[in-house]
């Protein structure tokens, strides 16, 4: 089963990074206010970027890498 890293654009314009097995479900959970406190506090939104990996570890490693990036660098990735 594939595991995904994703960037979620909150309604206030901020970006949240996360990992999941099911992108569609994760977006629905975030918008129901149950996904994360950050997304809930920033008004929900939508997944704007994702990458697939073979293992959970690979996706989590990518998530950790991108969390250290500046917002400008994340925005550039999203615009690809």
N, C-alpha and C. Protein backbone atom coordinates (compact mmCIF):
# COMPACT_ATOMS: atom_id res chain seq x y z
N UNK A 1 0.85 -1.19 0.00
CA UNK A 1 0.00 0.00 0.00
C UNK A 1 0.88 1.24 0.00
N UNK A 2 0.50 2.21 -0.81
CA UNK A 2 1.25 3.46 -0.90
C UNK A 2 0.97 4.34 0.32
N UNK A 3 1.95 5.12 0.67
CA UNK A 3 1.82 6.08 1.75
C UNK A 3 2.14 7.44 1.17
N UNK A 4 1.40 8.46 1.53
CA UNK A 4 1.53 9.78 0.92
C UNK A 4 2.01 10.84 1.89
N UNK A 5 2.87 11.70 1.37
CA UNK A 5 3.19 12.96 2.02
C UNK A 5 2.31 14.00 1.32
N UNK A 6 1.79 14.99 2.07
CA UNK A 6 0.95 16.00 1.44
C UNK A 6 1.15 17.37 2.06
N UNK A 7 0.80 18.39 1.28
CA UNK A 7 0.71 19.76 1.77
C UNK A 7 -0.75 20.18 1.66
N UNK A 8 -1.26 20.73 2.74
CA UNK A 8 -2.66 21.13 2.85
C UNK A 8 -2.71 22.64 2.96
N UNK A 9 -3.44 23.28 2.05
CA UNK A 9 -3.58 24.74 2.07
C UNK A 9 -4.78 25.09 2.94
N UNK A 10 -4.53 25.76 4.05
CA UNK A 10 -5.61 26.20 4.93
C UNK A 10 -6.29 27.43 4.33
N UNK A 11 -7.50 27.69 4.77
CA UNK A 11 -8.27 28.82 4.24
C UNK A 11 -7.59 30.17 4.48
N UNK A 12 -6.71 30.24 5.48
CA UNK A 12 -6.00 31.49 5.74
C UNK A 12 -4.72 31.62 4.90
N UNK A 13 -4.47 30.63 4.02
CA UNK A 13 -3.30 30.67 3.14
C UNK A 13 -2.09 29.93 3.65
N UNK A 14 -2.10 29.51 4.90
CA UNK A 14 -0.96 28.79 5.45
C UNK A 14 -0.93 27.36 4.90
N UNK A 15 0.25 26.72 5.02
CA UNK A 15 0.42 25.35 4.56
C UNK A 15 0.70 24.43 5.75
N UNK A 16 0.07 23.29 5.74
CA UNK A 16 0.26 22.25 6.75
C UNK A 16 0.80 21.03 6.04
N UNK A 17 1.80 20.38 6.59
CA UNK A 17 2.33 19.18 5.98
C UNK A 17 1.98 17.96 6.82
N UNK A 18 1.71 16.85 6.14
CA UNK A 18 1.35 15.64 6.85
C UNK A 18 1.56 14.41 5.99
N UNK A 19 1.23 13.25 6.54
CA UNK A 19 1.35 11.98 5.86
C UNK A 19 0.10 11.16 6.10
N UNK A 20 -0.27 10.35 5.10
CA UNK A 20 -1.48 9.53 5.23
C UNK A 20 -1.47 8.41 4.20
N UNK A 21 -2.30 7.40 4.44
CA UNK A 21 -2.50 6.34 3.46
C UNK A 21 -3.61 6.71 2.48
N UNK A 22 -4.53 7.57 2.88
CA UNK A 22 -5.71 7.89 2.08
C UNK A 22 -5.91 9.40 2.01
N UNK A 23 -5.48 10.01 0.91
CA UNK A 23 -5.53 11.47 0.77
C UNK A 23 -6.96 12.01 0.83
N UNK A 24 -7.89 11.38 0.11
CA UNK A 24 -9.27 11.87 0.08
C UNK A 24 -9.88 11.87 1.48
N UNK A 25 -9.70 10.78 2.19
CA UNK A 25 -10.25 10.68 3.55
C UNK A 25 -9.58 11.69 4.47
N UNK A 26 -8.27 11.86 4.33
CA UNK A 26 -7.55 12.78 5.21
C UNK A 26 -8.05 14.21 5.02
N UNK A 27 -8.28 14.60 3.77
CA UNK A 27 -8.82 15.94 3.51
C UNK A 27 -10.19 16.11 4.17
N UNK A 28 -11.04 15.09 4.06
CA UNK A 28 -12.36 15.15 4.69
C UNK A 28 -12.25 15.25 6.21
N UNK A 29 -11.34 14.49 6.79
CA UNK A 29 -11.14 14.52 8.24
C UNK A 29 -10.66 15.90 8.68
N UNK A 30 -9.70 16.46 7.93
CA UNK A 30 -9.23 17.82 8.26
C UNK A 30 -10.39 18.81 8.23
N UNK A 31 -11.20 18.74 7.19
CA UNK A 31 -12.29 19.71 7.04
C UNK A 31 -13.44 19.48 8.01
N UNK A 32 -13.48 18.31 8.63
CA UNK A 32 -14.47 18.04 9.67
C UNK A 32 -13.97 18.53 11.03
N UNK A 33 -12.75 19.08 11.06
CA UNK A 33 -12.19 19.60 12.31
C UNK A 33 -11.57 18.54 13.19
N UNK A 34 -11.30 17.35 12.61
CA UNK A 34 -10.77 16.24 13.40
C UNK A 34 -9.35 15.85 13.03
N UNK A 35 -8.78 16.44 11.99
CA UNK A 35 -7.47 16.02 11.49
C UNK A 35 -6.29 16.50 12.31
N UNK A 36 -6.27 17.76 12.62
CA UNK A 36 -5.20 18.34 13.43
C UNK A 36 -5.69 19.65 14.03
N UNK A 37 -5.11 19.99 15.16
CA UNK A 37 -5.49 21.25 15.81
C UNK A 37 -5.08 22.45 14.94
N UNK A 38 -3.95 22.33 14.26
CA UNK A 38 -3.48 23.42 13.41
C UNK A 38 -4.49 23.72 12.30
N UNK A 39 -4.88 22.68 11.56
CA UNK A 39 -5.81 22.88 10.44
C UNK A 39 -7.16 23.38 10.95
N UNK A 40 -7.62 22.84 12.05
CA UNK A 40 -8.89 23.28 12.64
C UNK A 40 -8.82 24.77 12.97
N UNK A 41 -7.72 25.20 13.57
CA UNK A 41 -7.56 26.60 13.97
C UNK A 41 -7.42 27.54 12.77
N UNK A 42 -7.02 27.00 11.62
CA UNK A 42 -6.80 27.83 10.44
C UNK A 42 -7.91 27.67 9.39
N UNK A 43 -9.01 27.05 9.79
CA UNK A 43 -10.22 27.05 8.99
C UNK A 43 -10.40 25.99 7.93
N UNK A 44 -9.64 24.90 7.99
CA UNK A 44 -9.80 23.86 6.97
C UNK A 44 -9.20 24.29 5.66
N UNK A 45 -9.49 23.56 4.59
CA UNK A 45 -8.93 23.89 3.28
C UNK A 45 -8.91 22.69 2.37
N UNK A 46 -7.77 22.52 1.63
CA UNK A 46 -7.67 21.39 0.72
C UNK A 46 -6.22 20.97 0.51
N UNK A 47 -6.04 19.72 0.12
CA UNK A 47 -4.71 19.21 -0.20
C UNK A 47 -4.32 19.77 -1.56
N UNK A 48 -3.15 20.42 -1.61
CA UNK A 48 -2.72 21.06 -2.84
C UNK A 48 -1.49 20.40 -3.46
N UNK A 49 -0.88 19.45 -2.75
CA UNK A 49 0.31 18.79 -3.26
C UNK A 49 0.47 17.47 -2.53
N UNK A 50 0.93 16.44 -3.26
CA UNK A 50 1.22 15.16 -2.60
C UNK A 50 2.28 14.39 -3.37
N UNK A 51 2.94 13.50 -2.67
CA UNK A 51 3.93 12.59 -3.24
C UNK A 51 3.66 11.21 -2.67
N UNK A 52 3.80 10.16 -3.49
CA UNK A 52 3.58 8.79 -3.04
C UNK A 52 4.91 8.12 -2.73
N UNK A 53 4.87 7.27 -1.69
CA UNK A 53 6.04 6.51 -1.28
C UNK A 53 5.63 5.06 -1.02
N UNK A 54 6.59 4.16 -1.11
CA UNK A 54 6.31 2.74 -0.88
C UNK A 54 6.16 2.41 0.60
N UNK A 55 6.84 3.18 1.46
CA UNK A 55 6.80 2.88 2.89
C UNK A 55 6.41 4.11 3.71
N UNK A 56 5.91 3.84 4.89
CA UNK A 56 5.58 4.90 5.84
C UNK A 56 6.82 5.71 6.18
N UNK A 57 7.92 5.02 6.39
CA UNK A 57 9.17 5.68 6.76
C UNK A 57 9.64 6.69 5.74
N UNK A 58 9.51 6.34 4.46
CA UNK A 58 9.91 7.27 3.40
C UNK A 58 9.05 8.52 3.41
N UNK A 59 7.74 8.35 3.57
CA UNK A 59 6.83 9.50 3.60
C UNK A 59 7.10 10.38 4.82
N UNK A 60 7.33 9.77 5.97
CA UNK A 60 7.60 10.54 7.18
C UNK A 60 8.94 11.28 7.08
N UNK A 61 9.91 10.66 6.42
CA UNK A 61 11.21 11.32 6.22
C UNK A 61 11.04 12.55 5.34
N UNK A 62 10.25 12.43 4.28
CA UNK A 62 9.98 13.56 3.39
C UNK A 62 9.22 14.66 4.12
N UNK A 63 8.23 14.27 4.93
CA UNK A 63 7.48 15.24 5.72
C UNK A 63 8.41 16.02 6.64
N UNK A 64 9.29 15.33 7.33
CA UNK A 64 10.23 15.99 8.24
C UNK A 64 11.16 16.95 7.49
N UNK A 65 11.60 16.52 6.30
CA UNK A 65 12.46 17.37 5.48
C UNK A 65 11.74 18.67 5.09
N UNK A 66 10.53 18.55 4.60
CA UNK A 66 9.81 19.72 4.10
C UNK A 66 9.33 20.62 5.23
N UNK A 67 9.07 20.08 6.40
CA UNK A 67 8.67 20.91 7.54
C UNK A 67 9.77 21.91 7.90
N UNK A 68 11.01 21.58 7.57
CA UNK A 68 12.13 22.49 7.88
C UNK A 68 12.31 23.57 6.82
N UNK A 69 11.62 23.46 5.70
CA UNK A 69 11.74 24.44 4.62
C UNK A 69 11.04 25.74 4.98
N UNK A 70 11.46 26.81 4.31
CA UNK A 70 10.78 28.09 4.45
C UNK A 70 9.43 28.01 3.72
N UNK A 71 8.54 28.93 4.05
CA UNK A 71 7.24 28.95 3.36
C UNK A 71 7.45 29.21 1.87
N UNK A 72 8.39 30.06 1.52
CA UNK A 72 8.64 30.37 0.11
C UNK A 72 9.05 29.11 -0.66
N UNK A 73 9.86 28.29 -0.07
CA UNK A 73 10.29 27.06 -0.73
C UNK A 73 9.13 26.08 -0.87
N UNK A 74 8.27 26.00 0.16
CA UNK A 74 7.08 25.15 0.08
C UNK A 74 6.14 25.66 -1.01
N UNK A 75 5.98 26.97 -1.10
CA UNK A 75 5.10 27.56 -2.13
C UNK A 75 5.61 27.22 -3.53
N UNK A 76 6.92 27.23 -3.70
CA UNK A 76 7.50 26.88 -4.99
C UNK A 76 7.19 25.43 -5.34
N UNK A 77 7.27 24.54 -4.36
CA UNK A 77 6.95 23.12 -4.58
C UNK A 77 5.48 22.97 -4.98
N UNK A 78 4.59 23.66 -4.31
CA UNK A 78 3.17 23.58 -4.60
C UNK A 78 2.85 24.08 -6.01
N UNK A 79 3.63 25.06 -6.49
CA UNK A 79 3.34 25.66 -7.80
C UNK A 79 3.81 24.80 -8.97
N UNK A 80 4.53 23.74 -8.70
CA UNK A 80 5.03 22.86 -9.77
C UNK A 80 3.89 22.11 -10.43
